Amino acid sequence: MEVQVLSWAPLSSSASAEGESSVREVHLELRIHAPGSAAKEGTGQVFWKGGADVSFDESRSVYFSVPNDGQVHVHRVALAGHPLLPDEVQWLRIDPVNGPCEVDLLSLRLA
């Protein structure tokens, strides 16, 4: 999947993880390229919702660094150990970067 993000708002993707009662890590294979940005890296964020959660919330998320070098990188984003991670994750939201850029999402795996 190739996506071009044109605004400063992060690209947000939602995917149902219903039935995945033990999501503890998200594996993303991404290529981020923002040729107009002087930043060497950006920040991605993974949010989750359990069955009782109405909306995504900053308190139920983790951050990860995303290099801005145009190369493919595999990111293993650990959710395990977060105090607000429910036993059953029903929805994920992935903001792959925090600024305008090109994003290639090559793979997504829940572990």
PDB file of N, CA and C in Angstrom:
ATOM      1  N   MET A   1       0.846  -1.152   0.000  1.00  0.00           N
ATOM      2  CA  MET A   1       0.000   0.000   0.000  1.00  0.00           C
ATOM      3  C   MET A   1       0.899   1.223   0.000  1.00  0.00           C
ATOM      4  N   GLU A   2       0.693   2.137  -0.923  1.00  0.00           N
ATOM      5  CA  GLU A   2       1.442   3.385  -0.942  1.00  0.00           C
ATOM      6  C   GLU A   2       0.481   4.516  -0.660  1.00  0.00           C
ATOM      7  N   VAL A   3       0.872   5.388   0.243  1.00  0.00           N
ATOM      8  CA  VAL A   3       0.031   6.504   0.654  1.00  0.00           C
ATOM      9  C   VAL A   3       0.885   7.743   0.675  1.00  0.00           C
ATOM     10  N   GLN A   4       0.358   8.848   0.173  1.00  0.00           N
ATOM     11  CA  GLN A   4       1.059  10.113   0.300  1.00  0.00           C
ATOM     12  C   GLN A   4       0.283  10.974   1.281  1.00  0.00           C
ATOM     13  N   VAL A   5       0.940  11.395   2.338  1.00  0.00           N
ATOM     14  CA  VAL A   5       0.319  12.212   3.367  1.00  0.00           C
ATOM     15  C   VAL A   5       0.655  13.659   3.046  1.00  0.00           C
ATOM     16  N   LEU A   6      -0.370  14.486   2.831  1.00  0.00           N
ATOM     17  CA  LEU A   6      -0.145  15.844   2.395  1.00  0.00           C
ATOM     18  C   LEU A   6      -0.378  16.886   3.470  1.00  0.00           C
ATOM     19  N   SER A   7      -0.914  16.511   4.585  1.00  0.00           N
ATOM     20  CA  SER A   7      -1.163  17.475   5.654  1.00  0.00           C
ATOM     21  C   SER A   7      -0.275  17.143   6.841  1.00  0.00           C
ATOM     22  N   TRP A   8      -0.259  18.033   7.840  1.00  0.00           N
ATOM     23  CA  TRP A   8       0.544  17.783   9.031  1.00  0.00           C
ATOM     24  C   TRP A   8      -0.105  16.788   9.960  1.00  0.00           C
ATOM     25  N   ALA A   9      -1.375  16.489   9.761  1.00  0.00           N
ATOM     26  CA  ALA A   9      -2.047  15.481  10.595  1.00  0.00           C
ATOM     27  C   ALA A   9      -1.534  14.107  10.205  1.00  0.00           C
ATOM     28  N   PRO A  10      -1.279  13.239  11.168  1.00  0.00           N
ATOM     29  CA  PRO A  10      -0.779  11.912  10.832  1.00  0.00           C
ATOM     30  C   PRO A  10      -1.808  11.081  10.076  1.00  0.00           C
ATOM     31  N   LEU A  11      -1.336  10.223   9.207  1.00  0.00           N
ATOM     32  CA  LEU A  11      -2.190   9.257   8.539  1.00  0.00           C
ATOM     33  C   LEU A  11      -2.676   8.268   9.574  1.00  0.00           C
ATOM     34  N   SER A  12      -3.955   8.028   9.631  1.00  0.00           N
ATOM     35  CA  SER A  12      -4.495   7.096  10.611  1.00  0.00           C
ATOM     36  C   SER A  12      -5.168   5.938   9.893  1.00  0.00           C
ATOM     37  N   SER A  13      -4.845   4.750  10.321  1.00  0.00           N
ATOM     38  CA  SER A  13      -5.453   3.551   9.779  1.00  0.00           C
ATOM     39  C   SER A  13      -6.052   2.767  10.926  1.00  0.00           C
ATOM     40  N   SER A  14      -7.218   2.218  10.706  1.00  0.00           N
ATOM     41  CA  SER A  14      -7.845   1.382  11.718  1.00  0.00           C
ATOM     42  C   SER A  14      -8.047  -0.009  11.148  1.00  0.00           C
ATOM     43  N   ALA A  15      -7.781  -0.997  11.957  1.00  0.00           N
ATOM     44  CA  ALA A  15      -7.978  -2.378  11.544  1.00  0.00           C
ATOM     45  C   ALA A  15      -8.553  -3.147  12.714  1.00  0.00           C
ATOM     46  N   SER A  16      -9.560  -3.922  12.454  1.00  0.00           N
ATOM     47  CA  SER A  16     -10.155  -4.714  13.524  1.00  0.00           C
ATOM     48  C   SER A  16      -9.239  -5.859  13.889  1.00  0.00           C
ATOM     49  N   ALA A  17      -9.022  -6.014  15.155  1.00  0.00           N
ATOM     50  CA  ALA A  17      -8.234  -7.139  15.653  1.00  0.00           C
ATOM     51  C   ALA A  17      -9.147  -8.034  16.478  1.00  0.00           C
ATOM     52  N   GLU A  18     -10.433  -7.983  16.173  1.00  0.00           N
ATOM     53  CA  GLU A  18     -11.415  -8.725  16.944  1.00  0.00           C
ATOM     54  C   GLU A  18     -11.050 -10.196  16.975  1.00  0.00           C
ATOM     55  N   GLY A  19     -11.143 -10.790  18.139  1.00  0.00           N
ATOM     56  CA  GLY A  19     -10.800 -12.187  18.299  1.00  0.00           C
ATOM     57  C   GLY A  19      -9.331 -12.396  18.632  1.00  0.00           C
ATOM     58  N   GLU A  20      -8.534 -11.371  18.468  1.00  0.00           N
ATOM     59  CA  GLU A  20      -7.113 -11.453  18.814  1.00  0.00           C
ATOM     60  C   GLU A  20      -6.978 -11.104  20.285  1.00  0.00           C
ATOM     61  N   SER A  21      -7.071 -12.098  21.149  1.00  0.00           N
ATOM     62  CA  SER A  21      -7.095 -11.818  22.581  1.00  0.00           C
ATOM     63  C   SER A  21      -5.718 -11.581  23.165  1.00  0.00           C
ATOM     64  N   SER A  22      -4.664 -11.813  22.392  1.00  0.00           N
ATOM     65  CA  SER A  22      -3.330 -11.653  22.968  1.00  0.00           C
ATOM     66  C   SER A  22      -2.420 -10.807  22.078  1.00  0.00           C
ATOM     67  N   VAL A  23      -2.913  -9.676  21.563  1.00  0.00           N
ATOM     68  CA  VAL A  23      -2.069  -8.783  20.772  1.00  0.00           C
ATOM     69  C   VAL A  23      -1.097  -8.106  21.720  1.00  0.00           C
ATOM     70  N   ARG A  24       0.172  -8.407  21.580  1.00  0.00           N
ATOM     71  CA  ARG A  24       1.183  -7.853  22.470  1.00  0.00           C
ATOM     72  C   ARG A  24       2.254  -7.070  21.726  1.00  0.00           C
ATOM     73  N   GLU A  25       2.270  -7.211  20.401  1.00  0.00           N
ATOM     74  CA  GLU A  25       3.262  -6.512  19.597  1.00  0.00           C
ATOM     75  C   GLU A  25       2.708  -6.324  18.189  1.00  0.00           C
ATOM     76  N   VAL A  26       3.036  -5.184  17.587  1.00  0.00           N
ATOM     77  CA  VAL A  26       2.640  -4.891  16.214  1.00  0.00           C
ATOM     78  C   VAL A  26       3.916  -4.801  15.387  1.00  0.00           C
ATOM     79  N   HIS A  27       3.981  -5.579  14.308  1.00  0.00           N
ATOM     80  CA  HIS A  27       5.138  -5.565  13.411  1.00  0.00           C
ATOM     81  C   HIS A  27       4.728  -4.811  12.151  1.00  0.00           C
ATOM     82  N   LEU A  28       5.448  -3.750  11.831  1.00  0.00           N
ATOM     83  CA  LEU A  28       5.177  -2.943  10.649  1.00  0.00           C
ATOM     84  C   LEU A  28       6.410  -2.910   9.770  1.00  0.00           C
ATOM     85  N   GLU A  29       6.231  -3.145   8.494  1.00  0.00           N
ATOM     86  CA  GLU A  29       7.313  -2.967   7.538  1.00  0.00           C
ATOM     87  C   GLU A  29       6.935  -1.729   6.718  1.00  0.00           C
ATOM     88  N   LEU A  30       7.702  -0.641   6.896  1.00  0.00           N
ATOM     89  CA  LEU A  30       7.364   0.661   6.330  1.00  0.00           C
ATOM     90  C   LEU A  30       8.539   1.287   5.595  1.00  0.00           C
ATOM     91  N   ARG A  31       8.191   2.118   4.629  1.00  0.00           N
ATOM     92  CA  ARG A  31       9.154   3.035   4.023  1.00  0.00           C
ATOM     93  C   ARG A  31       8.559   4.419   4.171  1.00  0.00           C
ATOM     94  N   ILE A  32       9.285   5.330   4.812  1.00  0.00           N
ATOM     95  CA  ILE A  32       8.856   6.709   4.997  1.00  0.00           C
ATOM     96  C   ILE A  32       9.836   7.602   4.259  1.00  0.00           C
ATOM     97  N   HIS A  33       9.302   8.525   3.456  1.00  0.00           N
ATOM     98  CA  HIS A  33      10.179   9.447   2.744  1.00  0.00           C
ATOM     99  C   HIS A  33       9.509  10.812   2.686  1.00  0.00           C
ATOM    100  N   ALA A  34      10.159  11.794   3.278  1.00  0.00           N
ATOM    101  CA  ALA A  34       9.692  13.179   3.266  1.00  0.00           C
ATOM    102  C   ALA A  34      10.847  14.046   2.777  1.00  0.00           C
ATOM    103  N   PRO A  35      11.028  14.137   1.461  1.00  0.00           N
ATOM    104  CA  PRO A  35      12.200  14.836   0.929  1.00  0.00           C
ATOM    105  C   PRO A  35      12.251  16.316   1.306  1.00  0.00           C
ATOM    106  N   GLY A  36      11.130  16.943   1.589  1.00  0.00           N
ATOM    107  CA  GLY A  36      11.116  18.355   1.945  1.00  0.00           C
ATOM    108  C   GLY A  36      11.371  18.626   3.413  1.00  0.00           C
ATOM    109  N   SER A  37      11.526  17.573   4.201  1.00  0.00           N
ATOM    110  CA  SER A  37      11.726  17.721   5.638  1.00  0.00           C
ATOM    111  C   SER A  37      13.193  17.533   6.004  1.00  0.00           C
ATOM    112  N   ALA A  38      13.688  18.398   6.878  1.00  0.00           N
ATOM    113  CA  ALA A  38      15.066  18.263   7.349  1.00  0.00           C
ATOM    114  C   ALA A  38      15.186  17.231   8.464  1.00  0.00           C
ATOM    115  N   ALA A  39      14.038  16.757   8.960  1.00  0.00           N
ATOM    116  CA  ALA A  39      14.045  15.796  10.069  1.00  0.00           C
ATOM    117  C   ALA A  39      14.651  14.473   9.629  1.00  0.00           C
ATOM    118  N   LYS A  40      15.529  13.928  10.463  1.00  0.00           N
ATOM    119  CA  LYS A  40      16.134  12.620  10.200  1.00  0.00           C
ATOM    120  C   LYS A  40      15.181  11.491  10.531  1.00  0.00           C
ATOM    121  N   GLU A  41      14.234  11.759  11.428  1.00  0.00           N
ATOM    122  CA  GLU A  41      13.233  10.742  11.771  1.00  0.00           C
ATOM    123  C   GLU A  41      11.965  11.420  12.257  1.00  0.00           C
ATOM    124  N   GLY A  42      10.882  10.651  12.172  1.00  0.00           N
ATOM    125  CA  GLY A  42       9.594  11.091  12.681  1.00  0.00           C
ATOM    126  C   GLY A  42       9.164  10.185  13.819  1.00  0.00           C
ATOM    127  N   THR A  43       7.936  10.360  14.226  1.00  0.00           N
ATOM    128  CA  THR A  43       7.393   9.554  15.309  1.00  0.00           C
ATOM    129  C   THR A  43       6.087   8.923  14.853  1.00  0.00           C
ATOM    130  N   GLY A  44       6.001   7.604  15.014  1.00  0.00           N
ATOM    131  CA  GLY A  44       4.763   6.887  14.756  1.00  0.00           C
ATOM    132  C   GLY A  44       4.083   6.581  16.079  1.00  0.00           C
ATOM    133  N   GLN A  45       2.824   6.165  16.004  1.00  0.00           N
ATOM    134  CA  GLN A  45       2.072   5.876  17.222  1.00  0.00           C
ATOM    135  C   GLN A  45       1.049   4.778  16.937  1.00  0.00           C
ATOM    136  N   VAL A  46       0.934   3.837  17.872  1.00  0.00           N
ATOM    137  CA  VAL A  46      -0.068   2.774  17.792  1.00  0.00           C
ATOM    138  C   VAL A  46      -1.035   2.953  18.956  1.00  0.00           C
ATOM    139  N   PHE A  47      -2.326   3.035  18.635  1.00  0.00           N
ATOM    140  CA  PHE A  47      -3.404   3.141  19.619  1.00  0.00           C
ATOM    141  C   PHE A  47      -4.185   1.831  19.629  1.00  0.00           C
ATOM    142  N   TRP A  48      -4.885   1.550  20.718  1.00  0.00           N
ATOM    143  CA  TRP A  48      -5.754   0.375  20.778  1.00  0.00           C
ATOM    144  C   TRP A  48      -7.014   0.696  21.558  1.00  0.00           C
ATOM    145  N   LYS A  49      -8.022  -0.141  21.290  1.00  0.00           N
ATOM    146  CA  LYS A  49      -9.278  -0.090  22.046  1.00  0.00           C
ATOM    147  C   LYS A  49      -9.653  -1.503  22.450  1.00  0.00           C
ATOM    148  N   GLY A  50     -10.145  -1.631  23.668  1.00  0.00           N
ATOM    149  CA  GLY A  50     -10.711  -2.885  24.138  1.00  0.00           C
ATOM    150  C   GLY A  50     -12.230  -2.807  24.002  1.00  0.00           C
ATOM    151  N   GLY A  51     -12.912  -3.833  24.454  1.00  0.00           N
ATOM    152  CA  GLY A  51     -14.367  -3.908  24.323  1.00  0.00           C
ATOM    153  C   GLY A  51     -15.127  -2.794  25.024  1.00  0.00           C
ATOM    154  N   ALA A  52     -14.608  -2.277  26.115  1.00  0.00           N
ATOM    155  CA  ALA A  52     -15.306  -1.233  26.876  1.00  0.00           C
ATOM    156  C   ALA A  52     -14.917   0.177  26.433  1.00  0.00           C
ATOM    157  N   ASP A  53     -13.943   0.314  25.554  1.00  0.00           N
ATOM    158  CA  ASP A  53     -13.469   1.637  25.142  1.00  0.00           C
ATOM    159  C   ASP A  53     -14.310   2.179  23.997  1.00  0.00           C
ATOM    160  N   VAL A  54     -14.740   3.429  24.126  1.00  0.00           N
ATOM    161  CA  VAL A  54     -15.586   4.066  23.112  1.00  0.00           C
ATOM    162  C   VAL A  54     -14.743   4.673  21.998  1.00  0.00           C
ATOM    163  N   SER A  55     -13.606   5.263  22.337  1.00  0.00           N
ATOM    164  CA  SER A  55     -12.775   5.927  21.334  1.00  0.00           C
ATOM    165  C   SER A  55     -11.303   5.667  21.622  1.00  0.00           C
ATOM    166  N   PHE A  56     -10.468   5.996  20.639  1.00  0.00           N
ATOM    167  CA  PHE A  56      -9.024   5.909  20.836  1.00  0.00           C
ATOM    168  C   PHE A  56      -8.595   7.061  21.730  1.00  0.00           C
ATOM    169  N   ASP A  57      -7.601   6.802  22.576  1.00  0.00           N
ATOM    170  CA  ASP A  57      -7.167   7.800  23.538  1.00  0.00           C
ATOM    171  C   ASP A  57      -5.647   7.760  23.659  1.00  0.00           C
ATOM    172  N   GLU A  58      -5.052   8.925  23.835  1.00  0.00           N
ATOM    173  CA  GLU A  58      -3.597   9.046  23.975  1.00  0.00           C
ATOM    174  C   GLU A  58      -3.044   8.131  25.073  1.00  0.00           C
ATOM    175  N   SER A  59      -3.827   7.950  26.138  1.00  0.00           N
ATOM    176  CA  SER A  59      -3.352   7.127  27.266  1.00  0.00           C
ATOM    177  C   SER A  59      -3.244   5.646  26.904  1.00  0.00           C
ATOM    178  N   ARG A  60      -3.920   5.235  25.839  1.00  0.00           N
ATOM    179  CA  ARG A  60      -3.856   3.849  25.370  1.00  0.00           C
ATOM    180  C   ARG A  60      -3.097   3.809  24.039  1.00  0.00           C
ATOM    181  N   SER A  61      -1.832   4.217  24.099  1.00  0.00           N
ATOM    182  CA  SER A  61      -1.009   4.242  22.887  1.00  0.00           C
ATOM    183  C   SER A  61       0.466   4.145  23.261  1.00  0.00           C
ATOM    184  N   VAL A  62       1.272   3.809  22.255  1.00  0.00           N
ATOM    185  CA  VAL A  62       2.731   3.808  22.402  1.00  0.00           C
ATOM    186  C   VAL A  62       3.331   4.467  21.153  1.00  0.00           C
ATOM    187  N   TYR A  63       4.500   5.088  21.344  1.00  0.00           N
ATOM    188  CA  TYR A  63       5.222   5.764  20.268  1.00  0.00           C
ATOM    189  C   TYR A  63       6.367   4.890  19.765  1.00  0.00           C
ATOM    190  N   PHE A  64       6.770   5.133  18.514  1.00  0.00           N
ATOM    191  CA  PHE A  64       7.965   4.493  17.970  1.00  0.00           C
ATOM    192  C   PHE A  64       8.634   5.441  16.979  1.00  0.00           C
ATOM    193  N   SER A  65       9.953   5.340  16.845  1.00  0.00           N
ATOM    194  CA  SER A  65      10.723   6.188  15.930  1.00  0.00           C
ATOM    195  C   SER A  65      10.665   5.639  14.518  1.00  0.00           C
ATOM    196  N   VAL A  66      10.564   6.552  13.548  1.00  0.00           N
ATOM    197  CA  VAL A  66      10.481   6.179  12.136  1.00  0.00           C
ATOM    198  C   VAL A  66      11.544   6.961  11.363  1.00  0.00           C
ATOM    199  N   PRO A  67      12.576   6.293  10.840  1.00  0.00           N
ATOM    200  CA  PRO A  67      13.609   6.994  10.078  1.00  0.00           C
ATOM    201  C   PRO A  67      13.046   7.615   8.793  1.00  0.00           C
ATOM    202  N   ASN A  68      13.493   8.803   8.470  1.00  0.00           N
ATOM    203  CA  ASN A  68      13.115   9.492   7.238  1.00  0.00           C
ATOM    204  C   ASN A  68      14.278   9.382   6.254  1.00  0.00           C
ATOM    205  N   ASP A  69      14.481   8.183   5.719  1.00  0.00           N
ATOM    206  CA  ASP A  69      15.600   7.967   4.805  1.00  0.00           C
ATOM    207  C   ASP A  69      15.195   7.295   3.499  1.00  0.00           C
ATOM    208  N   GLY A  70      13.904   7.061   3.311  1.00  0.00           N
ATOM    209  CA  GLY A  70      13.442   6.437   2.077  1.00  0.00           C
ATOM    210  C   GLY A  70      13.714   4.949   1.991  1.00  0.00           C
ATOM    211  N   GLN A  71      14.259   4.353   3.051  1.00  0.00           N
ATOM    212  CA  GLN A  71      14.566   2.918   3.073  1.00  0.00           C
ATOM    213  C   GLN A  71      13.453   2.157   3.805  1.00  0.00           C
ATOM    214  N   VAL A  72      13.336   0.879   3.514  1.00  0.00           N
ATOM    215  CA  VAL A  72      12.361   0.023   4.194  1.00  0.00           C
ATOM    216  C   VAL A  72      12.928  -0.381   5.555  1.00  0.00           C
ATOM    217  N   HIS A  73      12.101  -0.241   6.592  1.00  0.00           N
ATOM    218  CA  HIS A  73      12.481  -0.630   7.953  1.00  0.00           C
ATOM    219  C   HIS A  73      11.360  -1.463   8.567  1.00  0.00           C
ATOM    220  N   VAL A  74      11.742  -2.423   9.400  1.00  0.00           N
ATOM    221  CA  VAL A  74      10.768  -3.219  10.161  1.00  0.00           C
ATOM    222  C   VAL A  74      10.726  -2.651  11.571  1.00  0.00           C
ATOM    223  N   HIS A  75       9.526  -2.325  12.023  1.00  0.00           N
ATOM    224  CA  HIS A  75       9.324  -1.782  13.361  1.00  0.00           C
ATOM    225  C   HIS A  75       8.539  -2.798  14.170  1.00  0.00           C
ATOM    226  N   ARG A  76       9.050  -3.157  15.322  1.00  0.00           N
ATOM    227  CA  ARG A  76       8.345  -4.036  16.257  1.00  0.00           C
ATOM    228  C   ARG A  76       7.921  -3.166  17.429  1.00  0.00           C
ATOM    229  N   VAL A  77       6.642  -2.856  17.465  1.00  0.00           N
ATOM    230  CA  VAL A  77       6.102  -1.940  18.468  1.00  0.00           C
ATOM    231  C   VAL A  77       5.490  -2.766  19.591  1.00  0.00           C
ATOM    232  N   ALA A  78       6.144  -2.749  20.740  1.00  0.00           N
ATOM    233  CA  ALA A  78       5.690  -3.547  21.884  1.00  0.00           C
ATOM    234  C   ALA A  78       4.522  -2.856  22.590  1.00  0.00           C
ATOM    235  N   LEU A  79       3.448  -3.610  22.780  1.00  0.00           N
ATOM    236  CA  LEU A  79       2.308  -3.146  23.567  1.00  0.00           C
ATOM    237  C   LEU A  79       2.311  -3.809  24.945  1.00  0.00           C
ATOM    238  N   ALA A  80       2.893  -4.994  25.019  1.00  0.00           N
ATOM    239  CA  ALA A  80       2.931  -5.764  26.269  1.00  0.00           C
ATOM    240  C   ALA A  80       3.558  -4.935  27.379  1.00  0.00           C
ATOM    241  N   GLY A  81       2.987  -5.036  28.546  1.00  0.00           N
ATOM    242  CA  GLY A  81       3.502  -4.314  29.695  1.00  0.00           C
ATOM    243  C   GLY A  81       2.864  -2.958  29.912  1.00  0.00           C
ATOM    244  N   HIS A  82       2.135  -2.460  28.910  1.00  0.00           N
ATOM    245  CA  HIS A  82       1.452  -1.172  29.102  1.00  0.00           C
ATOM    246  C   HIS A  82       0.319  -1.385  30.100  1.00  0.00           C
ATOM    247  N   PRO A  83       0.211  -0.524  31.112  1.00  0.00           N
ATOM    248  CA  PRO A  83      -0.791  -0.743  32.170  1.00  0.00           C
ATOM    249  C   PRO A  83      -2.242  -0.683  31.693  1.00  0.00           C
ATOM    250  N   LEU A  84      -2.519  -0.072  30.546  1.00  0.00           N
ATOM    251  CA  LEU A  84      -3.900   0.034  30.060  1.00  0.00           C
ATOM    252  C   LEU A  84      -4.209  -0.926  28.903  1.00  0.00           C
ATOM    253  N   LEU A  85      -3.297  -1.844  28.614  1.00  0.00           N
ATOM    254  CA  LEU A  85      -3.549  -2.818  27.553  1.00  0.00           C
ATOM    255  C   LEU A  85      -4.544  -3.858  28.063  1.00  0.00           C
ATOM    256  N   PRO A  86      -5.713  -4.001  27.408  1.00  0.00           N
ATOM    257  CA  PRO A  86      -6.701  -4.969  27.875  1.00  0.00           C
ATOM    258  C   PRO A  86      -6.313  -6.396  27.487  1.00  0.00           C
ATOM    259  N   ASP A  87      -6.985  -7.362  28.092  1.00  0.00           N
ATOM    260  CA  ASP A  87      -6.755  -8.761  27.731  1.00  0.00           C
ATOM    261  C   ASP A  87      -7.156  -9.019  26.280  1.00  0.00           C
ATOM    262  N   GLU A  88      -8.170  -8.300  25.807  1.00  0.00           N
ATOM    263  CA  GLU A  88      -8.635  -8.466  24.430  1.00  0.00           C
ATOM    264  C   GLU A  88      -8.606  -7.126  23.707  1.00  0.00           C
ATOM    265  N   VAL A  89      -7.695  -6.975  22.774  1.00  0.00           N
ATOM    266  CA  VAL A  89      -7.633  -5.794  21.920  1.00  0.00           C
ATOM    267  C   VAL A  89      -8.593  -6.024  20.767  1.00  0.00           C
ATOM    268  N   GLN A  90      -9.544  -5.100  20.593  1.00  0.00           N
ATOM    269  CA  GLN A  90     -10.517  -5.271  19.515  1.00  0.00           C
ATOM    270  C   GLN A  90     -10.237  -4.392  18.303  1.00  0.00           C
ATOM    271  N   TRP A  91      -9.598  -3.239  18.508  1.00  0.00           N
ATOM    272  CA  TRP A  91      -9.291  -2.331  17.402  1.00  0.00           C
ATOM    273  C   TRP A  91      -7.905  -1.732  17.580  1.00  0.00           C
ATOM    274  N   LEU A  92      -7.216  -1.529  16.466  1.00  0.00           N
ATOM    275  CA  LEU A  92      -5.930  -0.830  16.447  1.00  0.00           C
ATOM    276  C   LEU A  92      -6.030   0.374  15.525  1.00  0.00           C
ATOM    277  N   ARG A  93      -5.326   1.424  15.878  1.00  0.00           N
ATOM    278  CA  ARG A  93      -5.158   2.583  14.992  1.00  0.00           C
ATOM    279  C   ARG A  93      -3.671   2.822  14.891  1.00  0.00           C
ATOM    280  N   ILE A  94      -3.185   2.950  13.668  1.00  0.00           N
ATOM    281  CA  ILE A  94      -1.760   3.141  13.451  1.00  0.00           C
ATOM    282  C   ILE A  94      -1.555   4.474  12.750  1.00  0.00           C
ATOM    283  N   ASP A  95      -0.827   5.370  13.409  1.00  0.00           N
ATOM    284  CA  ASP A  95      -0.401   6.636  12.816  1.00  0.00           C
ATOM    285  C   ASP A  95       1.073   6.447  12.480  1.00  0.00           C
ATOM    286  N   PRO A  96       1.412   6.135  11.222  1.00  0.00           N
ATOM    287  CA  PRO A  96       2.788   5.747  10.915  1.00  0.00           C
ATOM    288  C   PRO A  96       3.817   6.863  11.018  1.00  0.00           C
ATOM    289  N   VAL A  97       3.385   8.123  10.991  1.00  0.00           N
ATOM    290  CA  VAL A  97       4.346   9.230  11.075  1.00  0.00           C
ATOM    291  C   VAL A  97       3.615  10.508  11.454  1.00  0.00           C
ATOM    292  N   ASN A  98       4.346  11.498  11.937  1.00  0.00           N
ATOM    293  CA  ASN A  98       3.742  12.716  12.462  1.00  0.00           C
ATOM    294  C   ASN A  98       3.928  13.935  11.564  1.00  0.00           C
ATOM    295  N   GLY A  99       3.953  13.756  10.266  1.00  0.00           N
ATOM    296  CA  GLY A  99       4.082  14.886   9.357  1.00  0.00           C
ATOM    297  C   GLY A  99       3.834  14.463   7.920  1.00  0.00           C
ATOM    298  N   PRO A 100       3.861  15.417   6.974  1.00  0.00           N
ATOM    299  CA  PRO A 100       3.609  15.083   5.569  1.00  0.00           C
ATOM    300  C   PRO A 100       4.757  14.264   4.986  1.00  0.00           C
ATOM    301  N   CYS A 101       4.413  13.226   4.241  1.00  0.00           N
ATOM    302  CA  CYS A 101       5.430  12.344   3.679  1.00  0.00           C
ATOM    303  C   CYS A 101       4.787  11.326   2.752  1.00  0.00           C
ATOM    304  N   GLU A 102       5.625  10.482   2.176  1.00  0.00           N
ATOM    305  CA  GLU A 102       5.166   9.308   1.447  1.00  0.00           C
ATOM    306  C   GLU A 102       5.326   8.116   2.371  1.00  0.00           C
ATOM    307  N   VAL A 103       4.316   7.249   2.401  1.00  0.00           N
ATOM    308  CA  VAL A 103       4.342   6.065   3.246  1.00  0.00           C
ATOM    309  C   VAL A 103       4.064   4.837   2.386  1.00  0.00           C
ATOM    310  N   ASP A 104       4.943   3.864   2.441  1.00  0.00           N
ATOM    311  CA  ASP A 104       4.683   2.557   1.850  1.00  0.00           C
ATOM    312  C   ASP A 104       4.537   1.585   3.009  1.00  0.00           C
ATOM    313  N   LEU A 105       3.353   1.019   3.176  1.00  0.00           N
ATOM    314  CA  LEU A 105       3.125  -0.018   4.181  1.00  0.00           C
ATOM    315  C   LEU A 105       3.235  -1.347   3.459  1.00  0.00           C
ATOM    316  N   LEU A 106       4.324  -2.079   3.716  1.00  0.00           N
ATOM    317  CA  LEU A 106       4.586  -3.319   3.016  1.00  0.00           C
ATOM    318  C   LEU A 106       4.002  -4.518   3.733  1.00  0.00           C
ATOM    319  N   SER A 107       3.970  -4.464   5.078  1.00  0.00           N
ATOM    320  CA  SER A 107       3.336  -5.545   5.814  1.00  0.00           C
ATOM    321  C   SER A 107       2.952  -5.077   7.209  1.00  0.00           C
ATOM    322  N   LEU A 108       1.962  -5.762   7.744  1.00  0.00           N
ATOM    323  CA  LEU A 108       1.461  -5.519   9.085  1.00  0.00           C
ATOM    324  C   LEU A 108       1.157  -6.876   9.694  1.00  0.00           C
ATOM    325  N   ARG A 109       1.709  -7.133  10.882  1.00  0.00           N
ATOM    326  CA  ARG A 109       1.483  -8.419  11.540  1.00  0.00           C
ATOM    327  C   ARG A 109       1.275  -8.164  13.027  1.00  0.00           C
ATOM    328  N   LEU A 110       0.318  -8.874  13.592  1.00  0.00           N
ATOM    329  CA  LEU A 110       0.051  -8.801  15.040  1.00  0.00           C
ATOM    330  C   LEU A 110       0.665 -10.023  15.692  1.00  0.00           C
ATOM    331  N   ALA A 111       1.365  -9.811  16.793  1.00  0.00           N
ATOM    332  CA  ALA A 111       2.003 -10.930  17.487  1.00  0.00           C
ATOM    333  C   ALA A 111       1.558 -10.946  18.931  1.00  0.00           C
TER     334      ALA A 111
END
